[in-house]
PDB file of N, CA and C in Angstrom:
ATOM      1  N   UNK A   1     -46.799  37.826 169.338  1.00  0.00           N
ATOM      2  CA  UNK A   1     -46.019  38.400 168.038  1.00  0.00           C
ATOM      3  C   UNK A   1     -45.459  37.380 168.104  1.00  0.00           C
ATOM      4  N   UNK A   2     -44.532  36.534 167.026  1.00  0.00           N
ATOM      5  CA  UNK A   2     -43.817  35.543 166.451  1.00  0.00           C
ATOM      6  C   UNK A   2     -42.412  36.014 167.269  1.00  0.00           C
ATOM      7  N   UNK A   3     -41.757  35.331 167.616  1.00  0.00           N
ATOM      8  CA  UNK A   3     -40.561  35.532 168.148  1.00  0.00           C
ATOM      9  C   UNK A   3     -39.469  35.845 167.485  1.00  0.00           C
ATOM     10  N   UNK A   4     -39.547  35.602 165.992  1.00  0.00           N
ATOM     11  CA  UNK A   4     -38.514  36.435 165.094  1.00  0.00           C
ATOM     12  C   UNK A   4     -38.605  37.423 164.747  1.00  0.00           C
ATOM     13  N   UNK A   5     -40.273  38.211 164.773  1.00  0.00           N
ATOM     14  CA  UNK A   5     -40.472  39.571 164.392  1.00  0.00           C
ATOM     15  C   UNK A   5     -39.719  40.110 165.511  1.00  0.00           C
ATOM     16  N   UNK A   6     -40.179  39.802 166.624  1.00  0.00           N
ATOM     17  CA  UNK A   6     -39.965  40.680 168.206  1.00  0.00           C
ATOM     18  C   UNK A   6     -38.471  40.799 168.100  1.00  0.00           C
ATOM     19  N   UNK A   7     -37.510  39.790 167.835  1.00  0.00           N
ATOM     20  CA  UNK A   7     -35.764  39.745 167.882  1.00  0.00           C
ATOM     21  C   UNK A   7     -35.605  40.748 167.030  1.00  0.00           C
ATOM     22  N   UNK A   8     -35.911  41.022 166.314  1.00  0.00           N
ATOM     23  CA  UNK A   8     -35.653  42.132 165.307  1.00  0.00           C
ATOM     24  C   UNK A   8     -35.643  43.436 165.467  1.00  0.00           C
ATOM     25  N   UNK A   9     -36.500  43.969 166.416  1.00  0.00           N
ATOM     26  CA  UNK A   9     -36.416  45.043 167.029  1.00  0.00           C
ATOM     27  C   UNK A   9     -35.328  45.580 167.684  1.00  0.00           C
ATOM     28  N   UNK A  10     -34.725  46.734 167.309  1.00  0.00           N
ATOM     29  CA  UNK A  10     -33.376  47.186 167.718  1.00  0.00           C
ATOM     30  C   UNK A  10     -32.381  46.572 166.943  1.00  0.00           C
ATOM     31  N   UNK A  11     -32.870  45.911 165.883  1.00  0.00           N
ATOM     32  CA  UNK A  11     -31.604  45.317 164.894  1.00  0.00           C
ATOM     33  C   UNK A  11     -31.564  45.863 163.397  1.00  0.00           C
ATOM     34  N   UNK A  12     -30.077  46.233 163.111  1.00  0.00           N
ATOM     35  CA  UNK A  12     -29.880  46.710 161.674  1.00  0.00           C
ATOM     36  C   UNK A  12     -30.491  45.479 160.332  1.00  0.00           C
ATOM     37  N   UNK A  13     -31.563  45.990 159.451  1.00  0.00           N
ATOM     38  CA  UNK A  13     -31.481  44.772 158.781  1.00  0.00           C
ATOM     39  C   UNK A  13     -31.795  45.053 157.424  1.00  0.00           C
ATOM     40  N   UNK A  14     -31.014  44.428 156.381  1.00  0.00           N
ATOM     41  CA  UNK A  14     -31.667  45.090 154.650  1.00  0.00           C
ATOM     42  C   UNK A  14     -32.923  44.449 154.282  1.00  0.00           C
ATOM     43  N   UNK A  15     -33.834  45.049 153.935  1.00  0.00           N
ATOM     44  CA  UNK A  15     -35.300  45.008 153.632  1.00  0.00           C
ATOM     45  C   UNK A  15     -35.143  45.409 151.706  1.00  0.00           C
ATOM     46  N   UNK A  16     -34.258  44.056 151.125  1.00  0.00           N
ATOM     47  CA  UNK A  16     -34.204  44.329 150.003  1.00  0.00           C
ATOM     48  C   UNK A  16     -35.670  44.074 148.983  1.00  0.00           C
ATOM     49  N   UNK A  17     -35.713  45.678 148.522  1.00  0.00           N
ATOM     50  CA  UNK A  17     -37.008  45.797 147.677  1.00  0.00           C
ATOM     51  C   UNK A  17     -37.988  46.098 148.055  1.00  0.00           C
ATOM     52  N   UNK A  18     -37.316  47.232 149.946  1.00  0.00           N
ATOM     53  CA  UNK A  18     -38.257  47.954 150.222  1.00  0.00           C
ATOM     54  C   UNK A  18     -37.339  49.191 150.647  1.00  0.00           C
ATOM     55  N   UNK A  19     -36.078  48.977 150.614  1.00  0.00           N
ATOM     56  CA  UNK A  19     -35.429  50.260 151.118  1.00  0.00           C
ATOM     57  C   UNK A  19     -33.789  50.183 150.056  1.00  0.00           C
ATOM     58  N   UNK A  20     -33.070  50.876 150.082  1.00  0.00           N
ATOM     59  CA  UNK A  20     -32.024  51.144 149.475  1.00  0.00           C
ATOM     60  C   UNK A  20     -30.764  50.700 150.479  1.00  0.00           C
ATOM     61  N   UNK A  21     -30.435  51.287 151.402  1.00  0.00           N
ATOM     62  CA  UNK A  21     -29.924  50.497 152.431  1.00  0.00           C
ATOM     63  C   UNK A  21     -30.521  49.737 153.691  1.00  0.00           C
ATOM     64  N   UNK A  22     -29.646  49.830 154.586  1.00  0.00           N
ATOM     65  CA  UNK A  22     -29.777  49.037 155.986  1.00  0.00           C
ATOM     66  C   UNK A  22     -30.893  49.897 156.439  1.00  0.00           C
ATOM     67  N   UNK A  23     -31.481  48.938 157.610  1.00  0.00           N
ATOM     68  CA  UNK A  23     -32.548  50.177 158.366  1.00  0.00           C
ATOM     69  C   UNK A  23     -32.474  49.525 159.584  1.00  0.00           C
ATOM     70  N   UNK A  24     -33.158  50.333 160.651  1.00  0.00           N
ATOM     71  CA  UNK A  24     -33.175  49.731 162.284  1.00  0.00           C
ATOM     72  C   UNK A  24     -34.345  49.325 162.018  1.00  0.00           C
ATOM     73  N   UNK A  25     -35.031  48.452 162.694  1.00  0.00           N
ATOM     74  CA  UNK A  25     -36.093  47.986 163.140  1.00  0.00           C
ATOM     75  C   UNK A  25     -36.768  48.240 164.574  1.00  0.00           C
ATOM     76  N   UNK A  26     -37.877  48.928 164.249  1.00  0.00           N
ATOM     77  CA  UNK A  26     -38.006  49.996 165.429  1.00  0.00           C
ATOM     78  C   UNK A  26     -39.207  49.096 166.128  1.00  0.00           C
ATOM     79  N   UNK A  27     -40.256  48.595 165.600  1.00  0.00           N
ATOM     80  CA  UNK A  27     -41.011  47.840 165.980  1.00  0.00           C
ATOM     81  C   UNK A  27     -41.568  46.901 164.988  1.00  0.00           C
ATOM     82  N   UNK A  28     -42.375  45.616 165.270  1.00  0.00           N
ATOM     83  CA  UNK A  28     -43.129  44.993 164.553  1.00  0.00           C
ATOM     84  C   UNK A  28     -44.479  44.603 165.306  1.00  0.00           C
ATOM     85  N   UNK A  29     -45.594  44.367 164.194  1.00  0.00           N
ATOM     86  CA  UNK A  29     -47.136  44.168 164.697  1.00  0.00           C
ATOM     87  C   UNK A  29     -47.632  42.861 163.821  1.00  0.00           C
ATOM     88  N   UNK A  30     -47.784  42.147 164.416  1.00  0.00           N
ATOM     89  CA  UNK A  30     -48.550  41.132 163.104  1.00  0.00           C
ATOM     90  C   UNK A  30     -49.737  41.317 162.633  1.00  0.00           C
ATOM     91  N   UNK A  31     -49.516  41.036 161.412  1.00  0.00           N
ATOM     92  CA  UNK A  31     -51.017  41.300 160.485  1.00  0.00           C
ATOM     93  C   UNK A  31     -51.549  39.733 160.314  1.00  0.00           C
ATOM     94  N   UNK A  32     -52.379  39.923 159.650  1.00  0.00           N
ATOM     95  CA  UNK A  32     -53.431  38.406 159.171  1.00  0.00           C
ATOM     96  C   UNK A  32     -52.271  37.561 158.322  1.00  0.00           C
ATOM     97  N   UNK A  33     -51.544  38.186 157.223  1.00  0.00           N
ATOM     98  CA  UNK A  33     -50.936  37.310 156.528  1.00  0.00           C
ATOM     99  C   UNK A  33     -49.339  37.802 156.458  1.00  0.00           C
ATOM    100  N   UNK A  34     -48.814  38.683 157.735  1.00  0.00           N
ATOM    101  CA  UNK A  34     -47.338  39.048 157.170  1.00  0.00           C
ATOM    102  C   UNK A  34     -47.030  40.093 158.832  1.00  0.00           C
ATOM    103  N   UNK A  35     -46.091  40.811 158.779  1.00  0.00           N
ATOM    104  CA  UNK A  35     -45.684  41.562 159.548  1.00  0.00           C
ATOM    105  C   UNK A  35     -45.735  43.059 158.885  1.00  0.00           C
ATOM    106  N   UNK A  36     -45.848  44.155 159.983  1.00  0.00           N
ATOM    107  CA  UNK A  36     -46.111  45.411 159.706  1.00  0.00           C
ATOM    108  C   UNK A  36     -44.622  45.818 160.322  1.00  0.00           C
ATOM    109  N   UNK A  37     -43.339  46.420 160.121  1.00  0.00           N
ATOM    110  CA  UNK A  37     -42.332  46.403 160.266  1.00  0.00           C
ATOM    111  C   UNK A  37     -42.125  48.279 160.446  1.00  0.00           C
ATOM    112  N   UNK A  38     -42.200  48.816 161.144  1.00  0.00           N
ATOM    113  CA  UNK A  38     -41.540  50.289 161.503  1.00  0.00           C
ATOM    114  C   UNK A  38     -39.885  50.220 161.640  1.00  0.00           C
ATOM    115  N   UNK A  39     -39.706  50.920 160.500  1.00  0.00           N
ATOM    116  CA  UNK A  39     -37.906  50.945 160.286  1.00  0.00           C
ATOM    117  C   UNK A  39     -37.747  52.159 159.724  1.00  0.00           C
ATOM    118  N   UNK A  40     -36.476  52.496 160.882  1.00  0.00           N
ATOM    119  CA  UNK A  40     -35.914  53.896 160.752  1.00  0.00           C
ATOM    120  C   UNK A  40     -34.721  53.744 159.529  1.00  0.00           C
ATOM    121  N   UNK A  41     -34.585  54.644 158.845  1.00  0.00           N
ATOM    122  CA  UNK A  41     -33.793  54.937 157.847  1.00  0.00           C
ATOM    123  C   UNK A  41     -32.409  55.450 158.022  1.00  0.00           C
ATOM    124  N   UNK A  42     -31.447  55.374 157.301  1.00  0.00           N
ATOM    125  CA  UNK A  42     -30.214  55.974 157.825  1.00  0.00           C
ATOM    126  C   UNK A  42     -30.035  57.805 157.823  1.00  0.00           C
ATOM    127  N   UNK A  43     -31.427  58.004 157.140  1.00  0.00           N
ATOM    128  CA  UNK A  43     -31.213  59.919 156.965  1.00  0.00           C
ATOM    129  C   UNK A  43     -32.032  60.029 158.408  1.00  0.00           C
ATOM    130  N   UNK A  44     -32.716  58.868 159.649  1.00  0.00           N
ATOM    131  CA  UNK A  44     -33.567  59.489 160.593  1.00  0.00           C
ATOM    132  C   UNK A  44     -34.805  59.242 159.791  1.00  0.00           C
ATOM    133  N   UNK A  45     -35.355  59.288 159.239  1.00  0.00           N
ATOM    134  CA  UNK A  45     -37.049  59.172 158.686  1.00  0.00           C
ATOM    135  C   UNK A  45     -37.475  57.601 158.967  1.00  0.00           C
ATOM    136  N   UNK A  46     -38.717  57.673 159.735  1.00  0.00           N
ATOM    137  CA  UNK A  46     -39.431  56.455 160.309  1.00  0.00           C
ATOM    138  C   UNK A  46     -40.180  56.119 158.888  1.00  0.00           C
ATOM    139  N   UNK A  47     -40.067  55.089 158.619  1.00  0.00           N
ATOM    140  CA  UNK A  47     -41.018  54.282 157.485  1.00  0.00           C
ATOM    141  C   UNK A  47     -41.400  53.054 158.087  1.00  0.00           C
ATOM    142  N   UNK A  48     -42.798  52.557 157.634  1.00  0.00           N
ATOM    143  CA  UNK A  48     -43.793  51.200 157.707  1.00  0.00           C
ATOM    144  C   UNK A  48     -43.612  50.621 156.437  1.00  0.00           C
ATOM    145  N   UNK A  49     -43.047  48.938 156.537  1.00  0.00           N
ATOM    146  CA  UNK A  49     -43.307  48.490 155.543  1.00  0.00           C
ATOM    147  C   UNK A  49     -44.150  46.870 155.942  1.00  0.00           C
ATOM    148  N   UNK A  50     -44.935  46.483 155.179  1.00  0.00           N
ATOM    149  CA  UNK A  50     -45.691  45.152 155.533  1.00  0.00           C
ATOM    150  C   UNK A  50     -44.601  44.037 154.554  1.00  0.00           C
ATOM    151  N   UNK A  51     -44.356  43.251 155.710  1.00  0.00           N
ATOM    152  CA  UNK A  51     -43.627  41.542 155.095  1.00  0.00           C
ATOM    153  C   UNK A  51     -44.286  40.620 155.319  1.00  0.00           C
ATOM    154  N   UNK A  52     -44.093  39.511 154.420  1.00  0.00           N
ATOM    155  CA  UNK A  52     -44.731  37.805 154.653  1.00  0.00           C
ATOM    156  C   UNK A  52     -44.089  37.550 155.965  1.00  0.00           C
ATOM    157  N   UNK A  53     -44.908  36.735 155.970  1.00  0.00           N
ATOM    158  CA  UNK A  53     -45.089  36.180 157.455  1.00  0.00           C
ATOM    159  C   UNK A  53     -43.495  35.167 157.507  1.00  0.00           C
ATOM    160  N   UNK A  54     -42.878  34.825 156.478  1.00  0.00           N
ATOM    161  CA  UNK A  54     -41.495  34.091 156.719  1.00  0.00           C
ATOM    162  C   UNK A  54     -40.713  35.135 156.610  1.00  0.00           C
ATOM    163  N   UNK A  55     -40.251  36.809 156.381  1.00  0.00           N
ATOM    164  CA  UNK A  55     -39.502  37.293 156.155  1.00  0.00           C
ATOM    165  C   UNK A  55     -38.818  37.508 157.487  1.00  0.00           C
ATOM    166  N   UNK A  56     -39.462  37.949 158.355  1.00  0.00           N
ATOM    167  CA  UNK A  56     -38.408  38.141 159.586  1.00  0.00           C
ATOM    168  C   UNK A  56     -37.731  36.522 160.098  1.00  0.00           C
ATOM    169  N   UNK A  57     -37.938  35.428 159.752  1.00  0.00           N
ATOM    170  CA  UNK A  57     -37.143  34.326 160.468  1.00  0.00           C
ATOM    171  C   UNK A  57     -36.111  34.003 159.549  1.00  0.00           C
ATOM    172  N   UNK A  58     -36.301  34.719 158.105  1.00  0.00           N
ATOM    173  CA  UNK A  58     -35.465  34.758 156.959  1.00  0.00           C
ATOM    174  C   UNK A  58     -34.082  36.038 157.225  1.00  0.00           C
ATOM    175  N   UNK A  59     -34.947  37.315 157.446  1.00  0.00           N
ATOM    176  CA  UNK A  59     -33.591  37.887 157.977  1.00  0.00           C
ATOM    177  C   UNK A  59     -32.808  37.735 159.384  1.00  0.00           C
ATOM    178  N   UNK A  60     -33.153  36.753 159.959  1.00  0.00           N
ATOM    179  CA  UNK A  60     -32.518  36.500 161.573  1.00  0.00           C
ATOM    180  C   UNK A  60     -31.802  35.192 160.953  1.00  0.00           C
ATOM    181  N   UNK A  61     -32.307  34.493 159.976  1.00  0.00           N
ATOM    182  CA  UNK A  61     -31.099  33.518 159.475  1.00  0.00           C
ATOM    183  C   UNK A  61     -29.454  34.269 158.623  1.00  0.00           C
ATOM    184  N   UNK A  62     -30.172  35.066 158.209  1.00  0.00           N
ATOM    185  CA  UNK A  62     -29.011  36.220 157.122  1.00  0.00           C
ATOM    186  C   UNK A  62     -28.459  36.989 158.091  1.00  0.00           C
ATOM    187  N   UNK A  63     -28.869  37.549 159.489  1.00  0.00           N
ATOM    188  CA  UNK A  63     -28.343  38.402 160.324  1.00  0.00           C
ATOM    189  C   UNK A  63     -26.868  37.297 161.189  1.00  0.00           C
ATOM    190  N   UNK A  64     -27.787  36.186 161.365  1.00  0.00           N
ATOM    191  CA  UNK A  64     -26.844  34.543 161.972  1.00  0.00           C
ATOM    192  C   UNK A  64     -25.365  34.659 161.030  1.00  0.00           C
ATOM    193  N   UNK A  65     -25.560  34.627 159.992  1.00  0.00           N
ATOM    194  CA  UNK A  65     -24.836  34.186 158.804  1.00  0.00           C
ATOM    195  C   UNK A  65     -23.671  35.100 159.114  1.00  0.00           C
ATOM    196  N   UNK A  66     -24.581  36.460 158.850  1.00  0.00           N
ATOM    197  CA  UNK A  66     -23.574  37.496 158.836  1.00  0.00           C
ATOM    198  C   UNK A  66     -22.486  37.710 160.139  1.00  0.00           C
ATOM    199  N   UNK A  67     -23.138  37.708 161.624  1.00  0.00           N
ATOM    200  CA  UNK A  67     -22.400  37.100 162.907  1.00  0.00           C
ATOM    201  C   UNK A  67     -21.369  36.038 162.742  1.00  0.00           C
ATOM    202  N   UNK A  68     -21.930  34.819 162.457  1.00  0.00           N
ATOM    203  CA  UNK A  68     -20.917  33.799 162.167  1.00  0.00           C
ATOM    204  C   UNK A  68     -19.704  34.364 161.142  1.00  0.00           C
ATOM    205  N   UNK A  69     -19.341  34.950 160.160  1.00  0.00           N
ATOM    206  CA  UNK A  69     -18.602  35.335 159.559  1.00  0.00           C
ATOM    207  C   UNK A  69     -17.717  36.326 159.969  1.00  0.00           C
ATOM    208  N   UNK A  70     -18.160  37.313 161.452  1.00  0.00           N
ATOM    209  CA  UNK A  70     -17.463  37.546 161.907  1.00  0.00           C
ATOM    210  C   UNK A  70     -16.404  37.209 163.135  1.00  0.00           C
ATOM    211  N   UNK A  71     -15.221  37.725 162.972  1.00  0.00           N
ATOM    212  CA  UNK A  71     -14.530  37.137 164.021  1.00  0.00           C
ATOM    213  C   UNK A  71     -13.993  38.013 164.843  1.00  0.00           C
ATOM    214  N   UNK A  72     -13.295  38.096 166.031  1.00  0.00           N
ATOM    215  CA  UNK A  72     -12.519  38.917 166.651  1.00  0.00           C
ATOM    216  C   UNK A  72     -11.160  38.928 166.041  1.00  0.00           C
ATOM    217  N   UNK A  73     -10.659  40.136 166.092  1.00  0.00           N
ATOM    218  CA  UNK A  73      -9.674  40.530 165.468  1.00  0.00           C
ATOM    219  C   UNK A  73      -8.178  39.690 166.525  1.00  0.00           C
ATOM    220  N   UNK A  74      -7.135  39.158 165.605  1.00  0.00           N
ATOM    221  CA  UNK A  74      -5.848  38.381 166.178  1.00  0.00           C
ATOM    222  C   UNK A  74      -5.341  39.395 167.575  1.00  0.00           C
ATOM    223  N   UNK A  75      -5.138  38.968 168.491  1.00  0.00           N
ATOM    224  CA  UNK A  75      -4.853  40.082 169.413  1.00  0.00           C
ATOM    225  C   UNK A  75      -3.199  40.388 169.082  1.00  0.00           C
ATOM    226  N   UNK A  76      -2.209  39.692 168.673  1.00  0.00           N
ATOM    227  CA  UNK A  76      -1.028  39.871 168.265  1.00  0.00           C
ATOM    228  C   UNK A  76      -1.223  41.067 167.205  1.00  0.00           C
ATOM    229  N   UNK A  77      -1.626  40.503 165.995  1.00  0.00           N
ATOM    230  CA  UNK A  77      -2.115  41.360 165.039  1.00  0.00           C
ATOM    231  C   UNK A  77      -2.292  42.813 165.141  1.00  0.00           C
ATOM    232  N   UNK A  78      -3.182  42.793 166.471  1.00  0.00           N
ATOM    233  CA  UNK A  78      -3.658  44.469 166.948  1.00  0.00           C
ATOM    234  C   UNK A  78      -2.510  45.092 167.550  1.00  0.00           C
ATOM    235  N   UNK A  79      -1.792  44.160 168.208  1.00  0.00           N
ATOM    236  CA  UNK A  79      -0.648  44.881 169.192  1.00  0.00           C
ATOM    237  C   UNK A  79       0.461  45.343 168.205  1.00  0.00           C
ATOM    238  N   UNK A  80       0.928  44.403 167.143  1.00  0.00           N
ATOM    239  CA  UNK A  80       1.618  44.543 166.223  1.00  0.00           C
ATOM    240  C   UNK A  80       1.520  45.930 165.378  1.00  0.00           C
ATOM    241  N   UNK A  81      -0.059  46.367 165.069  1.00  0.00           N
ATOM    242  CA  UNK A  81      -0.515  47.361 164.695  1.00  0.00           C
ATOM    243  C   UNK A  81      -0.394  48.857 165.234  1.00  0.00           C
ATOM    244  N   UNK A  82      -0.931  48.575 166.686  1.00  0.00           N
ATOM    245  CA  UNK A  82      -0.153  49.825 167.480  1.00  0.00           C
ATOM    246  C   UNK A  82       0.805  49.539 167.973  1.00  0.00           C
ATOM    247  N   UNK A  83       1.596  49.145 167.806  1.00  0.00           N
ATOM    248  CA  UNK A  83       3.007  49.287 168.450  1.00  0.00           C
ATOM    249  C   UNK A  83       3.513  50.063 166.944  1.00  0.00           C
ATOM    250  N   UNK A  84       3.043  49.249 165.993  1.00  0.00           N
ATOM    251  CA  UNK A  84       3.835  49.750 164.745  1.00  0.00           C
ATOM    252  C   UNK A  84       3.610  51.827 164.435  1.00  0.00           C
ATOM    253  N   UNK A  85       2.171  51.780 164.660  1.00  0.00           N
ATOM    254  CA  UNK A  85       1.749  53.388 164.590  1.00  0.00           C
ATOM    255  C   UNK A  85       1.831  54.029 165.963  1.00  0.00           C
ATOM    256  N   UNK A  86       2.639  53.649 166.914  1.00  0.00           N
ATOM    257  CA  UNK A  86       2.860  54.679 168.443  1.00  0.00           C
ATOM    258  C   UNK A  86       4.423  54.895 167.682  1.00  0.00           C
ATOM    259  N   UNK A  87       5.433  53.967 166.813  1.00  0.00           N
ATOM    260  CA  UNK A  87       6.540  54.015 166.289  1.00  0.00           C
ATOM    261  C   UNK A  87       6.844  55.320 165.535  1.00  0.00           C
ATOM    262  N   UNK A  88       5.840  55.100 164.404  1.00  0.00           N
ATOM    263  CA  UNK A  88       5.787  56.264 163.775  1.00  0.00           C
ATOM    264  C   UNK A  88       5.494  57.594 163.754  1.00  0.00           C
ATOM    265  N   UNK A  89       4.298  57.791 164.731  1.00  0.00           N
ATOM    266  CA  UNK A  89       4.240  59.015 165.748  1.00  0.00           C
ATOM    267  C   UNK A  89       5.870  59.398 166.548  1.00  0.00           C
ATOM    268  N   UNK A  90       6.709  58.270 167.175  1.00  0.00           N
ATOM    269  CA  UNK A  90       7.652  58.984 167.972  1.00  0.00           C
ATOM    270  C   UNK A  90       8.897  59.328 166.801  1.00  0.00           C
ATOM    271  N   UNK A  91       8.587  58.327 165.702  1.00  0.00           N
ATOM    272  CA  UNK A  91       9.543  59.201 164.883  1.00  0.00           C
ATOM    273  C   UNK A  91       9.242  60.145 164.222  1.00  0.00           C
ATOM    274  N   UNK A  92       8.205  60.528 163.689  1.00  0.00           N
ATOM    275  CA  UNK A  92       7.560  62.081 163.328  1.00  0.00           C
ATOM    276  C   UNK A  92       7.826  63.035 164.366  1.00  0.00           C
ATOM    277  N   UNK A  93       7.654  62.845 165.746  1.00  0.00           N
ATOM    278  CA  UNK A  93       7.992  63.664 167.114  1.00  0.00           C
ATOM    279  C   UNK A  93       9.537  64.029 166.819  1.00  0.00           C
ATOM    280  N   UNK A  94      10.179  62.806 166.776  1.00  0.00           N
ATOM    281  CA  UNK A  94      11.786  62.973 167.013  1.00  0.00           C
ATOM    282  C   UNK A  94      12.198  63.992 165.852  1.00  0.00           C
ATOM    283  N   UNK A  95      11.700  63.769 164.661  1.00  0.00           N
ATOM    284  CA  UNK A  95      12.374  64.631 163.142  1.00  0.00           C
ATOM    285  C   UNK A  95      12.016  66.238 163.391  1.00  0.00           C
ATOM    286  N   UNK A  96      10.368  66.122 164.425  1.00  0.00           N
ATOM    287  CA  UNK A  96      10.131  67.694 164.539  1.00  0.00           C
ATOM    288  C   UNK A  96      10.900  68.278 165.544  1.00  0.00           C
ATOM    289  N   UNK A  97      11.381  67.659 166.576  1.00  0.00           N
ATOM    290  CA  UNK A  97      12.408  68.096 167.335  1.00  0.00           C
ATOM    291  C   UNK A  97      13.699  68.354 166.902  1.00  0.00           C
ATOM    292  N   UNK A  98      14.105  67.402 165.960  1.00  0.00           N
ATOM    293  CA  UNK A  98      15.366  67.819 165.243  1.00  0.00           C
ATOM    294  C   UNK A  98      15.157  69.030 164.331  1.00  0.00           C
ATOM    295  N   UNK A  99      14.451  69.117 163.593  1.00  0.00           N
ATOM    296  CA  UNK A  99      13.539  70.273 162.775  1.00  0.00           C
ATOM    297  C   UNK A  99      14.023  71.716 163.521  1.00  0.00           C
ATOM    298  N   UNK A 100      13.700  71.229 164.787  1.00  0.00           N
ATOM    299  CA  UNK A 100      13.495  72.726 165.404  1.00  0.00           C
ATOM    300  C   UNK A 100      14.522  73.291 165.894  1.00  0.00           C
ATOM    301  N   UNK A 101      15.886  72.029 166.067  1.00  0.00           N
ATOM    302  CA  UNK A 101      16.899  72.536 166.775  1.00  0.00           C
ATOM    303  C   UNK A 101      17.862  72.847 165.568  1.00  0.00           C
ATOM    304  N   UNK A 102      17.546  72.663 164.530  1.00  0.00           N
ATOM    305  CA  UNK A 102      18.602  72.868 163.417  1.00  0.00           C
ATOM    306  C   UNK A 102      18.233  74.531 162.957  1.00  0.00           C
ATOM    307  N   UNK A 103      17.180  74.966 163.391  1.00  0.00           N
ATOM    308  CA  UNK A 103      16.589  76.854 162.789  1.00  0.00           C
ATOM    309  C   UNK A 103      16.951  77.357 164.027  1.00  0.00           C
TER     310      UNK A 103
END
């Protein structure tokens, strides 16, 4: 089996023209003129689809582009977000305590 097809196993891909949304590739089998991919739909249903021989490589390149576009969050911005949420929770808790003491 081709490395590209076997690399797709376990990954979530979009097979435009075959399925409405992303699917998880569970198995790949080489055929004479392409590959048979067994994919699990978002509903949990297992479906099989035959794709041309070039499709696995194209899907991998698309996955690479998506991965390259994803970058880690800025640690300082994440810290500020968490600190802001903490302060809001403390403020709400303080208001609740004050409201209880007034009644």
